[in-house]
Amino acid sequence: MRETDPGTERKCLEILRILRDSRDPMGAKHLSERMAEQGFVLSDRAVQYYLHHLDELGFTRKIGNRGRVLTNLGISESESALVGDRIGFVISKLERLAFRSTLNPVTCTGDVAYNLSFVKNEELDAVRSAFDEVVSADIGFFGTYAETENDPRIPKGHTGFITVCSITMDGIFQHNGIPVRMAYGGCLNHIHHKPEGFHQLIGYKGTTLDPLQLFLSAEMASIGRLIQSGDGVALANIRNIPSTAVIKAEEIMCELRKNDFHLPVAVGSGILNVPIDPYQSSIVIYSGMNLIGRAYECGIRMKTEIGAGTIPISRIISG
C-alpha cells in the first residue's frame, strides 16, 4: 500500500475489500455505509478523499458517474496486503452476528443469522431438489429455507436462497448465559449413517477464510453419497462451552429440536476426534452449508455469503 499511516492504510484496504466483493461500481455514499458496518465511520467526503488516493496509486478507477471499481493491481493488493490483519476476520464477523441473533428457543421467534446464496433462475428446480435432499436427511442445521428476489445483492435473472447459519446457536447460548466459542469447522465422516469422526478440522481463530467454504472448494465432502448410502462426509461445526453448562445447553437444544432444528450431532469431551480442551465440552452441529454443498455436488455453482446478516426467523419459515 506504501502508506505510512496505519490508520489510513486500514481504511484504504477496507475500501478495496468492499469493492472487490461488489459486482457493480460503487460510489462514496454507498461505500461510507458499508464502511460503517465494519466500524469505520467516515463521511462521504472522507471516503471520496481515500478514493482519489487509491486512484493515484492505480488501485481503483472511476466508471463515469456510477462509482469505482478495482483495477487488476487493486485486486492483487486487496488479496495480499495485511494478511495478518485478516486472520480472525471470519470468526470476528460471525461473533458479531451471534450477538445480533435474538432467537427464543421456546417460542421460535426473533432474529437468526443467515447465509445468502444466489443462482440463475433456470437452475431453481435443481437447487430446490438438492436442498430438499439434505433437509429430509436431517443433516442441515434447520428444517427449511427461503427464497428471495428482494435483495440488492442478487443479480438480475437470479434468485436468492436464505439458509439459517449455525452461528445463531452461539447467540442463543450467549443470551442464555452460556459462554461459547466457535472452535472448528470440519469434515465429519459417517458409516451406515452414524458419525464416526472428523478426518479434517480447521480452527476458526487462525484463518482468513471460512473453513467450510474451503472444504467445499476442495470437494472434500460427499453429502450425496452420505444421503444415498449412509457412508459419506458432511460438514459440521464444533463449538466449546464450559462442561458445567452442558445440562442447560441440552435443555435449550431440546427446545430447538421441537422447532425443527437438527441438533446436536454429539456433545462431550474428546468426541469424534475433536481435540480435548480442559474443563470444556464440545458440541458438534451440522452446518447449513450442507445444503449448498449438495448443490455443488450436482454441478450447480452458487455464490454464497456466509453470515450475510440477521433476519426474523418468521421470514424463513414462511418461505
Protein backbone atom coordinates (compact mmCIF):
# COMPACT_ATOMS: atom_id res chain seq x y z
CA MET A 1 0.00 0.00 0.00
CA ARG A 2 3.05 2.25 0.55
CA GLU A 3 1.20 4.30 3.19
CA THR A 4 2.97 5.43 6.37
CA ASP A 5 -0.17 6.00 8.46
CA PRO A 6 -1.51 2.56 9.55
CA GLY A 7 -4.98 4.01 10.16
CA THR A 8 -5.19 5.34 6.63
CA GLU A 9 -3.83 2.07 5.27
CA ARG A 10 -6.52 0.04 7.00
CA LYS A 11 -9.27 2.32 5.74
CA CYS A 12 -7.94 2.07 2.21
CA LEU A 13 -7.70 -1.71 2.45
CA GLU A 14 -11.26 -1.92 3.71
CA ILE A 15 -12.41 0.13 0.70
CA LEU A 16 -10.51 -2.25 -1.58
CA ARG A 17 -12.10 -5.25 0.12
CA ILE A 18 -15.62 -3.85 -0.25
CA LEU A 19 -15.05 -3.03 -3.91
CA ARG A 20 -13.60 -6.48 -4.52
CA ASP A 21 -16.74 -8.12 -3.12
CA SER A 22 -19.08 -5.87 -5.12
CA ARG A 23 -20.33 -6.89 -8.55
CA ASP A 24 -21.01 -3.28 -9.58
CA PRO A 25 -19.19 0.06 -9.36
CA MET A 26 -19.68 1.73 -6.02
CA GLY A 27 -19.77 5.41 -5.10
CA ALA A 28 -18.66 7.26 -1.97
CA LYS A 29 -22.12 7.28 -0.31
CA HIS A 30 -22.61 3.52 -0.58
CA LEU A 31 -19.01 2.86 0.44
CA SER A 32 -19.48 5.09 3.51
CA GLU A 33 -22.49 2.99 4.57
CA ARG A 34 -20.59 -0.27 4.07
CA MET A 35 -17.56 1.07 5.93
CA ALA A 36 -19.77 1.98 8.89
CA GLU A 37 -20.96 -1.62 9.08
CA GLN A 38 -17.33 -2.64 9.65
CA GLY A 39 -16.70 0.00 12.30
CA PHE A 40 -15.14 2.70 10.07
CA VAL A 41 -17.33 5.79 10.49
CA LEU A 42 -16.42 8.14 7.64
CA SER A 43 -18.26 10.92 5.87
CA ASP A 44 -18.91 10.67 2.14
CA ARG A 45 -16.32 13.40 1.68
CA ALA A 46 -13.69 11.45 3.62
CA VAL A 47 -14.36 8.34 1.55
CA GLN A 48 -14.01 10.46 -1.59
CA TYR A 49 -10.59 11.57 -0.36
CA TYR A 50 -9.44 7.96 0.08
CA LEU A 51 -10.82 7.03 -3.34
CA HIS A 52 -8.76 9.77 -5.00
CA HIS A 53 -5.73 8.42 -3.15
CA LEU A 54 -6.44 4.90 -4.42
CA ASP A 55 -6.91 6.25 -7.95
CA GLU A 56 -3.45 7.81 -7.77
CA LEU A 57 -1.96 4.51 -6.64
CA GLY A 58 -3.58 2.75 -9.59
CA PHE A 59 -5.76 0.50 -7.40
CA THR A 60 -9.15 1.92 -8.46
CA ARG A 61 -10.65 3.64 -11.47
CA LYS A 62 -13.81 5.65 -11.95
CA ILE A 63 -16.63 4.39 -14.20
CA GLY A 64 -18.42 7.61 -15.18
CA ASN A 65 -20.94 8.61 -12.53
CA ARG A 66 -21.52 5.03 -11.40
CA GLY A 67 -18.61 4.87 -8.98
CA ARG A 68 -15.31 3.00 -8.66
CA VAL A 69 -14.12 -0.49 -9.49
CA LEU A 70 -10.82 -2.22 -8.74
CA THR A 71 -8.06 -2.41 -11.29
CA ASN A 72 -6.06 -5.64 -11.63
CA LEU A 73 -3.42 -4.04 -9.41
CA GLY A 74 -6.10 -3.21 -6.84
CA ILE A 75 -7.37 -6.79 -6.85
CA SER A 76 -3.86 -8.08 -6.22
CA GLU A 77 -3.29 -5.55 -3.42
CA SER A 78 -6.58 -6.40 -1.68
CA GLU A 79 -5.72 -10.09 -1.67
CA SER A 80 -2.15 -9.80 -0.43
CA ALA A 81 -1.91 -6.77 1.88
CA LEU A 82 -2.16 -7.02 5.66
CA VAL A 83 -2.86 -10.76 5.69
CA GLY A 84 -2.08 -10.70 9.39
CA ASP A 85 -4.91 -8.21 9.95
CA ARG A 86 -7.32 -10.53 8.15
CA ILE A 87 -6.50 -13.50 10.37
CA GLY A 88 -9.51 -13.98 12.59
CA PHE A 89 -11.70 -11.80 10.35
CA VAL A 90 -14.12 -14.69 9.69
CA ILE A 91 -14.75 -15.55 13.33
CA SER A 92 -14.98 -11.85 14.29
CA LYS A 93 -17.71 -11.34 11.71
CA LEU A 94 -19.58 -14.44 12.91
CA GLU A 95 -19.30 -13.39 16.54
CA ARG A 96 -20.93 -10.04 15.71
CA LEU A 97 -23.79 -11.90 14.03
CA ALA A 98 -24.14 -14.21 17.04
CA PHE A 99 -24.60 -11.20 19.32
CA ARG A 100 -27.30 -9.84 16.99
CA SER A 101 -29.18 -13.18 16.91
CA THR A 102 -32.16 -12.99 19.26
CA LEU A 103 -33.96 -16.27 18.64
CA ASN A 104 -36.08 -17.52 21.55
CA PRO A 105 -35.64 -21.32 21.56
CA VAL A 106 -39.05 -21.92 23.16
CA THR A 107 -41.27 -19.66 21.05
CA CYS A 108 -39.08 -19.82 17.91
CA THR A 109 -39.37 -16.04 17.46
CA GLY A 110 -36.67 -13.44 16.98
CA ASP A 111 -33.77 -12.94 14.60
CA VAL A 112 -31.37 -15.56 13.25
CA ALA A 113 -28.10 -15.24 11.36
CA TYR A 114 -28.38 -16.37 7.77
CA ASN A 115 -26.36 -17.35 4.71
CA LEU A 116 -27.34 -15.87 1.34
CA SER A 117 -26.79 -17.79 -1.91
CA PHE A 118 -27.99 -16.94 -5.38
CA VAL A 119 -28.38 -18.96 -8.56
CA LYS A 120 -29.60 -18.43 -12.11
CA ASN A 121 -33.38 -18.78 -12.41
CA GLU A 122 -33.10 -21.69 -14.85
CA GLU A 123 -31.40 -23.76 -12.13
CA LEU A 124 -34.02 -23.15 -9.44
CA ASP A 125 -35.63 -26.60 -9.58
CA ALA A 126 -32.26 -28.35 -9.38
CA VAL A 127 -31.27 -26.28 -6.33
CA ARG A 128 -34.58 -26.95 -4.58
CA SER A 129 -34.16 -30.68 -5.19
CA ALA A 130 -30.61 -30.65 -3.76
CA PHE A 131 -31.62 -28.60 -0.72
CA ASP A 132 -34.65 -30.81 -0.04
CA GLU A 133 -32.46 -33.92 -0.05
CA VAL A 134 -30.34 -32.50 2.76
CA VAL A 135 -33.32 -31.23 4.76
CA SER A 136 -35.08 -34.61 4.50
CA ALA A 137 -31.92 -36.41 5.66
CA ASP A 138 -31.66 -34.16 8.76
CA ILE A 139 -28.05 -33.19 8.03
CA GLY A 140 -28.65 -29.46 7.78
CA PHE A 141 -28.93 -27.03 10.68
CA PHE A 142 -32.58 -26.08 10.22
CA GLY A 143 -35.53 -27.85 8.61
CA THR A 144 -36.37 -25.34 5.90
CA TYR A 145 -35.03 -22.49 3.77
CA ALA A 146 -36.46 -19.48 1.97
CA GLU A 147 -36.21 -17.94 -1.48
CA THR A 148 -35.99 -14.24 -2.24
CA GLU A 149 -35.56 -11.82 -5.10
CA ASN A 150 -35.80 -8.70 -2.93
CA ASP A 151 -32.15 -8.20 -2.07
CA PRO A 152 -29.85 -5.73 -3.83
CA ARG A 153 -27.03 -8.30 -3.72
CA ILE A 154 -28.93 -10.65 -6.04
CA PRO A 155 -28.21 -10.03 -9.76
CA LYS A 156 -30.95 -9.75 -12.35
CA GLY A 157 -32.11 -13.13 -13.60
CA HIS A 158 -31.13 -14.84 -10.33
CA THR A 159 -32.97 -15.97 -7.20
CA GLY A 160 -31.57 -15.90 -3.68
CA PHE A 161 -31.72 -18.73 -1.15
CA ILE A 162 -31.66 -17.96 2.57
CA THR A 163 -30.45 -20.67 4.96
CA VAL A 164 -30.09 -20.35 8.72
CA CYS A 165 -26.44 -20.01 9.77
CA SER A 166 -25.41 -22.16 12.73
CA ILE A 167 -23.71 -19.17 14.41
CA THR A 168 -27.28 -18.48 15.57
CA MET A 169 -26.62 -21.22 18.12
CA ASP A 170 -23.83 -19.17 19.69
CA GLY A 171 -26.17 -16.21 20.05
CA ILE A 172 -28.80 -18.35 21.75
CA PHE A 173 -26.24 -19.70 24.22
CA GLN A 174 -24.85 -16.23 24.95
CA HIS A 175 -28.29 -14.74 25.58
CA ASN A 176 -28.98 -17.61 27.97
CA GLY A 177 -25.80 -17.04 29.97
CA ILE A 178 -23.66 -19.80 28.48
CA PRO A 179 -20.15 -18.79 27.35
CA VAL A 180 -19.47 -20.31 23.93
CA ARG A 181 -16.57 -20.36 21.48
CA MET A 182 -16.74 -21.46 17.86
CA ALA A 183 -13.69 -23.72 17.66
CA TYR A 184 -13.53 -25.66 14.38
CA GLY A 185 -15.17 -26.37 11.08
CA GLY A 186 -14.66 -29.88 9.81
CA CYS A 187 -15.43 -32.85 7.58
CA LEU A 188 -17.38 -35.44 9.57
CA ASN A 189 -17.17 -39.00 8.26
CA HIS A 190 -20.18 -41.34 8.54
CA ILE A 191 -20.54 -45.09 8.24
CA HIS A 192 -24.04 -46.59 7.99
CA HIS A 193 -25.49 -43.14 8.74
CA LYS A 194 -23.56 -42.98 12.02
CA PRO A 195 -21.00 -40.21 12.66
CA GLU A 196 -17.59 -41.87 13.08
CA GLY A 197 -15.24 -38.92 13.48
CA PHE A 198 -13.72 -35.86 11.88
CA HIS A 199 -10.93 -36.50 9.41
CA GLN A 200 -10.28 -32.80 8.70
CA LEU A 201 -10.52 -29.80 11.03
CA ILE A 202 -9.64 -26.11 10.63
CA GLY A 203 -9.72 -23.72 13.57
CA TYR A 204 -11.71 -20.52 13.11
CA LYS A 205 -9.36 -18.39 15.18
CA GLY A 206 -6.37 -18.50 12.84
CA THR A 207 -7.89 -18.38 9.36
CA THR A 208 -8.64 -15.63 6.86
CA LEU A 209 -11.25 -17.78 5.06
CA ASP A 210 -14.26 -19.75 6.22
CA PRO A 211 -13.18 -23.39 6.80
CA LEU A 212 -16.38 -24.87 5.40
CA GLN A 213 -16.09 -22.92 2.16
CA LEU A 214 -12.54 -24.22 1.83
CA PHE A 215 -13.71 -27.81 2.26
CA LEU A 216 -16.42 -27.33 -0.35
CA SER A 217 -14.00 -25.76 -2.81
CA ALA A 218 -11.63 -28.70 -2.32
CA GLU A 219 -14.53 -31.15 -2.89
CA MET A 220 -13.82 -32.87 0.43
CA ALA A 221 -17.48 -33.51 1.31
CA SER A 222 -19.60 -36.35 -0.11
CA ILE A 223 -23.05 -35.29 1.03
CA GLY A 224 -24.98 -37.02 -1.75
CA ARG A 225 -23.23 -40.33 -1.10
CA LEU A 226 -24.00 -39.99 2.61
CA ILE A 227 -27.70 -39.40 1.87
CA GLN A 228 -27.95 -42.26 -0.62
CA SER A 229 -25.81 -44.96 1.01
CA GLY A 230 -25.22 -43.86 4.60
CA ASP A 231 -21.46 -43.69 4.03
CA GLY A 232 -20.03 -40.26 3.35
CA VAL A 233 -18.79 -36.93 4.65
CA ALA A 234 -20.86 -33.97 5.85
CA LEU A 235 -19.81 -30.53 7.05
CA ALA A 236 -20.14 -29.71 10.74
CA ASN A 237 -19.02 -27.09 13.26
CA ILE A 238 -17.61 -27.61 16.73
CA ARG A 239 -18.21 -25.07 19.45
CA ASN A 240 -16.97 -25.36 23.04
CA ILE A 241 -18.82 -24.48 26.24
CA PRO A 242 -17.91 -24.97 29.92
CA SER A 243 -18.59 -28.54 30.99
CA THR A 244 -20.68 -27.19 33.88
CA ALA A 245 -23.10 -25.66 31.33
CA VAL A 246 -23.84 -28.86 29.39
CA ILE A 247 -27.13 -29.65 31.14
CA LYS A 248 -28.51 -26.17 30.47
CA ALA A 249 -27.28 -26.30 26.86
CA GLU A 250 -29.01 -29.65 26.32
CA GLU A 251 -32.28 -28.21 27.66
CA ILE A 252 -32.02 -25.34 25.16
CA MET A 253 -31.25 -27.72 22.28
CA CYS A 254 -34.22 -29.88 23.25
CA GLU A 255 -36.50 -26.87 22.77
CA LEU A 256 -34.85 -26.09 19.43
CA ARG A 257 -35.41 -29.64 18.18
CA LYS A 258 -39.15 -29.15 18.78
CA ASN A 259 -38.91 -26.23 16.33
CA ASP A 260 -37.23 -28.19 13.53
CA PHE A 261 -33.57 -27.57 14.32
CA HIS A 262 -31.38 -30.62 13.66
CA LEU A 263 -29.02 -30.74 16.62
CA PRO A 264 -26.77 -31.77 18.17
CA VAL A 265 -24.75 -34.46 16.40
CA ALA A 266 -22.87 -35.11 19.63
CA VAL A 267 -21.92 -33.49 22.95
CA GLY A 268 -18.94 -34.30 25.15
CA SER A 269 -15.19 -34.14 25.63
CA GLY A 270 -12.82 -35.85 23.20
CA ILE A 271 -15.68 -36.93 20.93
CA LEU A 272 -15.41 -37.72 17.20
CA ASN A 273 -11.66 -36.93 17.11
CA VAL A 274 -12.20 -33.39 18.40
CA PRO A 275 -9.18 -32.13 20.41
CA ILE A 276 -9.75 -32.12 24.16
CA ASP A 277 -9.99 -28.71 25.81
CA PRO A 278 -9.70 -28.88 29.64
CA TYR A 279 -12.92 -28.11 31.52
CA GLN A 280 -14.73 -27.67 28.19
CA SER A 281 -17.29 -29.79 26.37
CA SER A 282 -17.68 -29.81 22.60
CA ILE A 283 -20.98 -29.51 20.79
CA VAL A 284 -20.97 -30.83 17.23
CA ILE A 285 -23.68 -29.43 14.95
CA TYR A 286 -24.33 -29.99 11.25
CA SER A 287 -23.80 -26.90 9.13
CA GLY A 288 -26.41 -25.21 6.98
CA MET A 289 -23.67 -25.22 4.32
CA ASN A 290 -24.50 -28.88 3.65
CA LEU A 291 -27.42 -27.61 1.54
CA ILE A 292 -25.06 -25.53 -0.59
CA GLY A 293 -22.56 -28.39 -0.67
CA ARG A 294 -25.13 -30.77 -2.10
CA ALA A 295 -25.94 -28.24 -4.83
CA TYR A 296 -22.24 -28.04 -5.67
CA GLU A 297 -22.11 -31.81 -6.00
CA CYS A 298 -24.96 -31.62 -8.50
CA GLY A 299 -22.87 -29.31 -10.68
CA ILE A 300 -24.61 -26.09 -9.62
CA ARG A 301 -22.25 -23.24 -8.84
CA MET A 302 -23.81 -20.87 -6.36
CA LYS A 303 -22.25 -17.76 -4.93
CA THR A 304 -22.72 -17.79 -1.15
CA GLU A 305 -22.08 -15.23 1.56
CA ILE A 306 -21.76 -16.97 4.91
CA GLY A 307 -23.11 -14.81 7.70
CA ALA A 308 -24.85 -12.38 5.35
CA GLY A 309 -26.79 -10.71 8.18
CA THR A 310 -29.68 -11.35 10.55
CA ILE A 311 -33.34 -11.79 9.71
CA PRO A 312 -36.57 -12.64 11.60
CA ILE A 313 -36.95 -16.42 11.52
CA SER A 314 -40.61 -15.94 10.58
CA ARG A 315 -39.46 -14.80 7.12
CA ILE A 316 -37.66 -18.11 6.60
CA ILE A 317 -40.45 -20.27 7.97
CA SER A 318 -42.99 -18.52 5.76
CA GLY A 319 -40.74 -19.17 2.76
